[in-house]
């Protein structure tokens, strides 16, 4: 029993490290390609729920936007507009994981995945609407935090579900 628990903890730590590293590296390297990066990040968020305990998910929730900020500082193009959205992106990512985690066993994986994506987009789009109205953000953010977020969250869910199904069918 102890040996099995030790192996499980080691796998959790390894997966946490891999997911956290990928959640930083991919947005840092590909932040200009918003849709593929967004799909990848959202897939990691869903996969974190499938494979990791809630206590280990924080880096995966915050690292992508930190990577994007750092990329903007290192390679130029950082806008103060992104700074205004970062805490809300963290909240949206966190809500995606919490909603999906809490509802997937109650209402099913598919409805929970879609609802989690809608909650995340609701937070981001609602915030963008408010910030555009207050003239903190340009109108472009309505598309970026609306349709683009919805597409990447739903596509990320489909990718994660495919990966999870494949991996689960291969377990011994």
Protein backbone atom coordinates (compact mmCIF):
# COMPACT_ATOMS: atom_id res chain seq x y z
CA UNK A 1 0.00 0.00 0.00
CA UNK A 2 2.77 2.47 0.93
CA UNK A 3 4.71 1.71 -2.23
CA UNK A 4 1.61 2.26 -4.40
CA UNK A 5 0.95 5.61 -2.72
CA UNK A 6 4.58 6.63 -3.22
CA UNK A 7 4.37 5.81 -6.93
CA UNK A 8 1.12 7.77 -7.22
CA UNK A 9 2.69 10.79 -5.51
CA UNK A 10 5.72 10.60 -7.79
CA UNK A 11 3.52 10.48 -10.89
CA UNK A 12 1.44 13.42 -9.61
CA UNK A 13 4.59 15.46 -8.98
CA UNK A 14 6.00 14.60 -12.40
CA UNK A 15 2.73 15.45 -14.16
CA UNK A 16 2.44 18.68 -12.20
CA UNK A 17 5.96 19.65 -13.22
CA UNK A 18 5.35 18.76 -16.88
CA UNK A 19 1.99 20.57 -17.05
CA UNK A 20 3.37 23.63 -15.25
CA UNK A 21 6.43 23.79 -17.51
CA UNK A 22 4.32 23.42 -20.65
CA UNK A 23 1.83 26.02 -19.43
CA UNK A 24 4.70 28.53 -19.27
CA UNK A 25 6.88 27.48 -22.21
CA UNK A 26 4.20 27.19 -24.90
CA UNK A 27 2.65 30.65 -24.33
CA UNK A 28 6.11 32.17 -23.97
CA UNK A 29 7.21 30.78 -27.32
CA UNK A 30 3.92 30.98 -29.23
CA UNK A 31 1.99 33.87 -27.71
CA UNK A 32 1.58 35.51 -31.12
CA UNK A 33 -0.39 32.46 -32.29
CA UNK A 34 -3.34 33.07 -29.98
CA UNK A 35 -5.73 30.34 -31.11
CA UNK A 36 -3.31 27.38 -31.02
CA UNK A 37 -1.80 28.66 -27.78
CA UNK A 38 -5.24 29.16 -26.26
CA UNK A 39 -6.35 25.68 -27.27
CA UNK A 40 -3.18 24.19 -25.78
CA UNK A 41 -3.51 26.12 -22.50
CA UNK A 42 -7.19 25.27 -22.09
CA UNK A 43 -6.45 21.61 -22.85
CA UNK A 44 -3.83 21.68 -20.08
CA UNK A 45 -6.36 23.19 -17.68
CA UNK A 46 -8.87 20.43 -18.38
CA UNK A 47 -6.15 17.76 -18.27
CA UNK A 48 -5.04 19.10 -14.90
CA UNK A 49 -8.55 18.39 -13.61
CA UNK A 50 -8.51 14.89 -15.09
CA UNK A 51 -5.08 13.96 -13.77
CA UNK A 52 -4.09 16.20 -10.83
CA UNK A 53 -5.50 17.12 -7.44
CA UNK A 54 -6.82 20.67 -7.06
CA UNK A 55 -3.97 21.58 -4.72
CA UNK A 56 -1.43 21.28 -7.56
CA UNK A 57 -3.21 23.27 -10.30
CA UNK A 58 -2.27 26.84 -9.39
CA UNK A 59 0.87 27.04 -11.58
CA UNK A 60 -1.11 25.80 -14.58
CA UNK A 61 -3.73 28.47 -13.91
CA UNK A 62 -1.33 31.42 -13.63
CA UNK A 63 1.78 30.54 -15.67
CA UNK A 64 0.30 31.05 -19.18
CA UNK A 65 -0.55 34.72 -18.64
CA UNK A 66 2.74 35.32 -16.81
CA UNK A 67 4.58 33.81 -19.77
CA UNK A 68 2.69 36.08 -22.16
CA UNK A 69 3.55 39.11 -20.03
CA UNK A 70 7.21 38.12 -19.83
CA UNK A 71 7.35 37.50 -23.57
CA UNK A 72 5.98 41.00 -24.11
CA UNK A 73 8.66 42.44 -21.81
CA UNK A 74 11.48 40.46 -23.41
CA UNK A 75 10.46 40.74 -27.07
CA UNK A 76 8.46 43.98 -26.95
CA UNK A 77 4.80 44.49 -27.66
CA UNK A 78 3.68 44.42 -24.03
CA UNK A 79 0.62 46.53 -23.66
CA UNK A 80 -0.74 47.87 -20.40
CA UNK A 81 -4.10 46.48 -21.55
CA UNK A 82 -2.93 42.94 -20.89
CA UNK A 83 -1.92 43.89 -17.36
CA UNK A 84 -5.52 44.92 -16.64
CA UNK A 85 -6.81 41.50 -17.69
CA UNK A 86 -4.24 39.18 -16.06
CA UNK A 87 -5.97 38.79 -12.67
CA UNK A 88 -9.26 38.17 -14.47
CA UNK A 89 -7.63 35.58 -16.71
CA UNK A 90 -6.43 33.82 -13.55
CA UNK A 91 -9.96 33.90 -12.14
CA UNK A 92 -11.36 32.59 -15.43
CA UNK A 93 -8.84 29.75 -15.57
CA UNK A 94 -9.47 28.88 -11.93
CA UNK A 95 -13.23 28.88 -12.44
CA UNK A 96 -12.87 26.65 -15.49
CA UNK A 97 -11.04 24.06 -13.40
CA UNK A 98 -13.36 24.33 -10.39
CA UNK A 99 -16.61 24.18 -12.38
CA UNK A 100 -15.37 21.28 -14.48
CA UNK A 101 -14.06 19.42 -11.43
CA UNK A 102 -17.24 19.87 -9.37
CA UNK A 103 -19.73 19.13 -12.15
CA UNK A 104 -18.18 16.39 -14.27
CA UNK A 105 -19.36 13.58 -11.98
CA UNK A 106 -22.73 15.24 -11.31
CA UNK A 107 -23.90 16.20 -14.81
CA UNK A 108 -21.42 14.37 -17.02
CA UNK A 109 -18.09 15.24 -18.57
CA UNK A 110 -19.43 16.84 -21.77
CA UNK A 111 -21.95 19.23 -20.18
CA UNK A 112 -19.47 20.08 -17.41
CA UNK A 113 -16.74 20.84 -19.95
CA UNK A 114 -19.00 23.13 -21.96
CA UNK A 115 -20.38 24.84 -18.84
CA UNK A 116 -16.86 25.39 -17.48
CA UNK A 117 -15.84 27.02 -20.77
CA UNK A 118 -18.93 29.25 -20.70
CA UNK A 119 -18.22 30.35 -17.12
CA UNK A 120 -14.63 31.25 -18.01
CA UNK A 121 -15.70 33.18 -21.09
CA UNK A 122 -18.48 34.88 -19.14
CA UNK A 123 -15.96 36.25 -16.64
CA UNK A 124 -13.51 37.36 -19.32
CA UNK A 125 -16.05 38.80 -21.73
CA UNK A 126 -18.04 40.48 -18.95
CA UNK A 127 -14.85 42.07 -17.63
CA UNK A 128 -13.85 43.18 -21.11
CA UNK A 129 -17.27 44.77 -21.68
CA UNK A 130 -16.94 46.68 -18.42
CA UNK A 131 -13.36 47.77 -19.18
CA UNK A 132 -14.27 48.86 -22.72
CA UNK A 133 -17.22 50.83 -21.33
CA UNK A 134 -14.89 52.48 -18.80
CA UNK A 135 -12.41 53.12 -21.65
CA UNK A 136 -9.69 51.06 -19.98
CA UNK A 137 -9.49 48.61 -22.88
CA UNK A 138 -9.93 49.05 -26.64
CA UNK A 139 -12.93 47.38 -28.32
CA UNK A 140 -10.63 44.74 -29.82
CA UNK A 141 -10.66 43.03 -26.42
CA UNK A 142 -14.35 42.21 -26.85
CA UNK A 143 -13.45 39.75 -29.60
CA UNK A 144 -10.29 38.50 -27.90
CA UNK A 145 -12.06 37.90 -24.58
CA UNK A 146 -15.30 36.70 -26.18
CA UNK A 147 -15.39 34.61 -29.34
CA UNK A 148 -11.70 33.69 -29.32
CA UNK A 149 -11.84 32.56 -25.69
CA UNK A 150 -14.96 30.49 -26.37
CA UNK A 151 -13.40 28.79 -29.38
CA UNK A 152 -10.12 28.03 -27.60
CA UNK A 153 -11.83 26.82 -24.41
CA UNK A 154 -14.18 24.46 -26.27
CA UNK A 155 -11.47 23.19 -28.60
CA UNK A 156 -9.14 22.74 -25.61
CA UNK A 157 -11.85 20.67 -23.93
CA UNK A 158 -12.19 18.44 -27.00
CA UNK A 159 -8.42 17.95 -27.16
CA UNK A 160 -8.21 17.18 -23.43
CA UNK A 161 -11.11 14.76 -23.60
CA UNK A 162 -9.42 12.97 -26.50
CA UNK A 163 -6.11 12.75 -24.63
CA UNK A 164 -7.82 11.60 -21.44
CA UNK A 165 -9.85 8.96 -23.29
CA UNK A 166 -6.74 7.69 -25.07
CA UNK A 167 -4.63 7.56 -21.90
CA UNK A 168 -7.42 6.00 -19.85
CA UNK A 169 -7.94 3.25 -22.41
CA UNK A 170 -4.22 2.39 -22.21
CA UNK A 171 -3.99 2.07 -18.42
CA UNK A 172 -3.13 -1.32 -17.08
